[in-house]
Amino acid sequence: MRSTRRDLMRSLRIPRPGRRSKSSMRSLLLAAIFTLFLPLSLTAQRGLGVEELMNDGRPRYMAERLIIHQDPAIDTLMSRHILMNASREGVDGWRIQIYRGGHRTANEDSNRVRARFMEDYPDIQTYRTFDRPNWFKVKVGDFRTREEAAKVFFDIVSKYPDAYLIRDVIAFKNPAR
């Protein structure tokens, strides 16, 4: 009885604050090393600078004319911005939504509306999406600004009176150089 009581008291003892086990010391050491080397590895990556972005695709004799004097922190911010946008599927922009339906035949209706639009406007990209719980949508165009979208919208609204402008993530198009 006495030995079990002693064993029970030992198991309930709280370790002293100054003493740590080997496994906790090892994990603390690994955490400290990780904390020290993570910032070094992040700064070792070379991002695109403003000068590289501006000179991209230009012949060497033209690229040498452009010299930019700026704080290196601007290059860091530009690189972060580029990496953040690269993880997205596109850029913020505008589209024209010509159909939205949630009824039983909405799937077929959205396909019909999209096919008709593609016949009417073959040069404008169309997107058919399904948003839960039961909305089928047909969106058209990839416009960077509302003004760009409005020019096309006024032409489309005559054939599709339920059309309206919406903000959306659009497919990125490289500007012509």
Protein backbone atom coordinates (compact mmCIF):
# COMPACT_ATOMS: atom_id res chain seq x y z
CA MET A 1 0.00 0.00 0.00
CA ARG A 2 2.77 2.34 0.93
CA SER A 3 4.77 1.71 -2.26
CA THR A 4 1.75 2.34 -4.51
CA ARG A 5 1.04 5.54 -2.65
CA ARG A 6 4.65 6.65 -3.17
CA ASP A 7 4.46 5.77 -6.89
CA LEU A 8 1.22 7.71 -7.21
CA MET A 9 2.75 10.77 -5.58
CA ARG A 10 5.79 10.59 -7.91
CA SER A 11 3.57 10.42 -10.97
CA LEU A 12 1.60 13.47 -9.84
CA ARG A 13 4.72 15.55 -9.21
CA ILE A 14 5.10 18.62 -11.35
CA PRO A 15 8.58 19.00 -12.83
CA ARG A 16 10.63 21.93 -11.63
CA PRO A 17 10.58 24.98 -13.92
CA GLY A 18 14.34 24.90 -14.57
CA ARG A 19 14.47 21.27 -15.76
CA ARG A 20 13.41 20.16 -19.22
CA SER A 21 13.37 16.80 -20.88
CA LYS A 22 15.67 16.00 -23.80
CA SER A 23 12.79 15.86 -26.30
CA SER A 24 11.48 19.30 -25.32
CA MET A 25 15.02 20.75 -25.55
CA ARG A 26 15.45 19.18 -28.99
CA SER A 27 12.15 20.59 -30.26
CA LEU A 28 13.00 24.00 -28.82
CA LEU A 29 16.39 23.93 -30.58
CA LEU A 30 14.77 22.95 -33.90
CA ALA A 31 12.21 25.73 -33.57
CA ALA A 32 14.97 28.27 -32.90
CA ILE A 33 16.99 27.11 -35.93
CA PHE A 34 13.91 27.19 -38.14
CA THR A 35 13.05 30.70 -36.92
CA LEU A 36 16.56 31.94 -37.70
CA PHE A 37 16.92 30.42 -41.17
CA LEU A 38 13.43 31.00 -42.57
CA PRO A 39 13.88 34.78 -43.08
CA LEU A 40 17.26 34.16 -44.71
CA SER A 41 15.79 31.74 -47.24
CA LEU A 42 12.96 34.15 -48.05
CA THR A 43 15.32 37.03 -48.73
CA ALA A 44 17.62 34.86 -50.82
CA GLN A 45 14.98 34.49 -53.53
CA ARG A 46 15.52 37.02 -56.25
CA GLY A 47 12.32 38.56 -57.53
CA LEU A 48 11.66 40.68 -60.55
CA GLY A 49 12.68 44.26 -60.22
CA VAL A 50 10.92 47.21 -61.82
CA GLU A 51 13.79 47.60 -64.29
CA GLU A 52 13.50 43.95 -65.41
CA LEU A 53 9.74 44.33 -65.80
CA MET A 54 10.03 47.48 -67.86
CA ASN A 55 12.77 46.07 -70.09
CA ASP A 56 11.18 42.66 -70.60
CA GLY A 57 11.12 41.74 -74.26
CA ARG A 58 13.04 44.79 -75.48
CA PRO A 59 16.27 44.57 -77.45
CA ARG A 60 19.40 45.13 -75.39
CA TYR A 61 20.23 48.52 -76.96
CA MET A 62 16.75 49.83 -76.02
CA ALA A 63 16.82 48.26 -72.56
CA GLU A 64 20.03 50.07 -71.66
CA ARG A 65 18.33 53.44 -72.15
CA LEU A 66 15.97 52.87 -69.24
CA ILE A 67 17.72 53.42 -65.90
CA ILE A 68 15.65 53.54 -62.74
CA HIS A 69 17.04 54.81 -59.44
CA GLN A 70 14.85 53.71 -56.53
CA ASP A 71 14.80 52.22 -53.08
CA PRO A 72 15.37 48.41 -53.16
CA ALA A 73 12.28 47.99 -50.97
CA ILE A 74 10.16 48.90 -54.00
CA ASP A 75 11.53 45.87 -55.86
CA THR A 76 10.65 43.72 -52.86
CA LEU A 77 7.09 45.05 -52.82
CA MET A 78 6.76 44.52 -56.59
CA SER A 79 7.96 40.93 -56.26
CA ARG A 80 5.48 40.23 -53.47
CA HIS A 81 2.69 41.75 -55.54
CA ILE A 82 3.63 39.63 -58.57
CA LEU A 83 3.80 36.43 -56.50
CA MET A 84 0.46 37.16 -54.88
CA ASN A 85 -1.21 37.78 -58.24
CA ALA A 86 0.44 34.72 -59.80
CA SER A 87 -1.32 32.50 -57.28
CA ARG A 88 -4.71 33.77 -58.46
CA GLU A 89 -6.48 32.51 -61.56
CA GLY A 90 -6.68 35.99 -63.10
CA VAL A 91 -7.04 39.67 -62.27
CA ASP A 92 -9.91 41.80 -60.99
CA GLY A 93 -12.08 43.04 -63.80
CA TRP A 94 -15.58 43.12 -65.26
CA ARG A 95 -17.85 40.73 -67.12
CA ILE A 96 -21.37 40.88 -68.46
CA GLN A 97 -23.74 38.33 -66.99
CA ILE A 98 -26.39 37.42 -69.55
CA TYR A 99 -28.12 34.54 -67.76
CA ARG A 100 -28.77 33.30 -64.23
CA GLY A 101 -31.21 30.53 -63.46
CA GLY A 102 -31.91 28.19 -60.59
CA HIS A 103 -34.94 26.28 -61.80
CA ARG A 104 -35.19 22.67 -62.94
CA THR A 105 -34.26 23.34 -66.59
CA ALA A 106 -31.59 25.96 -65.83
CA ASN A 107 -28.77 23.63 -66.95
CA GLU A 108 -30.21 23.24 -70.45
CA ASP A 109 -31.30 26.88 -70.62
CA SER A 110 -27.81 28.12 -69.75
CA ASN A 111 -26.31 25.93 -72.48
CA ARG A 112 -28.86 27.26 -74.99
CA VAL A 113 -28.19 30.90 -74.04
CA ARG A 114 -24.42 30.37 -74.24
CA ALA A 115 -24.65 28.69 -77.66
CA ARG A 116 -26.86 31.50 -79.00
CA PHE A 117 -24.46 34.14 -77.66
CA MET A 118 -21.47 32.37 -79.23
CA GLU A 119 -23.27 32.52 -82.60
CA ASP A 120 -24.15 36.21 -82.16
CA TYR A 121 -20.72 37.29 -80.85
CA PRO A 122 -18.05 34.73 -81.82
CA ASP A 123 -15.14 37.00 -80.82
CA ILE A 124 -16.25 37.42 -77.17
CA GLN A 125 -15.26 34.72 -74.67
CA THR A 126 -18.11 33.03 -72.75
CA TYR A 127 -18.07 31.37 -69.32
CA ARG A 128 -20.74 29.05 -67.93
CA THR A 129 -20.54 28.48 -64.18
CA PHE A 130 -22.49 26.71 -61.47
CA ASP A 131 -22.72 28.34 -58.05
CA ARG A 132 -24.20 26.37 -55.18
CA PRO A 133 -26.90 25.75 -54.19
CA ASN A 134 -28.47 25.81 -57.66
CA TRP A 135 -27.48 28.78 -59.82
CA PHE A 136 -26.32 28.35 -63.41
CA LYS A 137 -24.75 31.53 -64.79
CA VAL A 138 -23.49 32.59 -68.20
CA LYS A 139 -20.94 35.41 -68.15
CA VAL A 140 -19.23 36.95 -71.16
CA GLY A 141 -16.12 39.01 -71.83
CA ASP A 142 -12.91 39.85 -70.01
CA PHE A 143 -12.80 43.59 -69.37
CA ARG A 144 -10.24 45.38 -67.21
CA THR A 145 -12.42 48.46 -66.58
CA ARG A 146 -16.11 49.16 -66.30
CA GLU A 147 -15.87 51.57 -69.22
CA GLU A 148 -14.52 48.81 -71.50
CA ALA A 149 -17.36 46.54 -70.43
CA ALA A 150 -20.00 49.27 -70.86
CA LYS A 151 -19.12 49.75 -74.55
CA VAL A 152 -19.91 46.10 -75.27
CA PHE A 153 -22.75 45.95 -72.75
CA PHE A 154 -24.87 48.53 -74.60
CA ASP A 155 -24.62 46.42 -77.74
CA ILE A 156 -25.43 43.15 -75.93
CA VAL A 157 -28.36 44.44 -73.86
CA SER A 158 -30.47 44.91 -76.98
CA LYS A 159 -30.41 41.12 -77.63
CA TYR A 160 -30.15 40.02 -73.98
CA PRO A 161 -32.35 42.38 -71.92
CA ASP A 162 -31.58 40.63 -68.60
CA ALA A 163 -27.84 41.31 -68.97
CA TYR A 164 -25.95 43.35 -66.39
CA LEU A 165 -22.35 44.24 -65.48
CA ILE A 166 -20.60 42.35 -62.68
CA ARG A 167 -17.19 42.46 -61.05
CA ASP A 168 -15.30 39.19 -61.49
CA VAL A 169 -11.83 37.68 -61.68
CA ILE A 170 -11.05 37.71 -65.40
CA ALA A 171 -8.51 35.92 -67.56
CA PHE A 172 -5.33 37.98 -67.82
CA LYS A 173 -4.34 39.17 -71.26
CA ASN A 174 -0.79 40.40 -71.87
CA PRO A 175 -0.86 43.90 -73.34
CA ALA A 176 0.69 44.25 -76.79
CA ARG A 177 4.15 45.77 -76.72
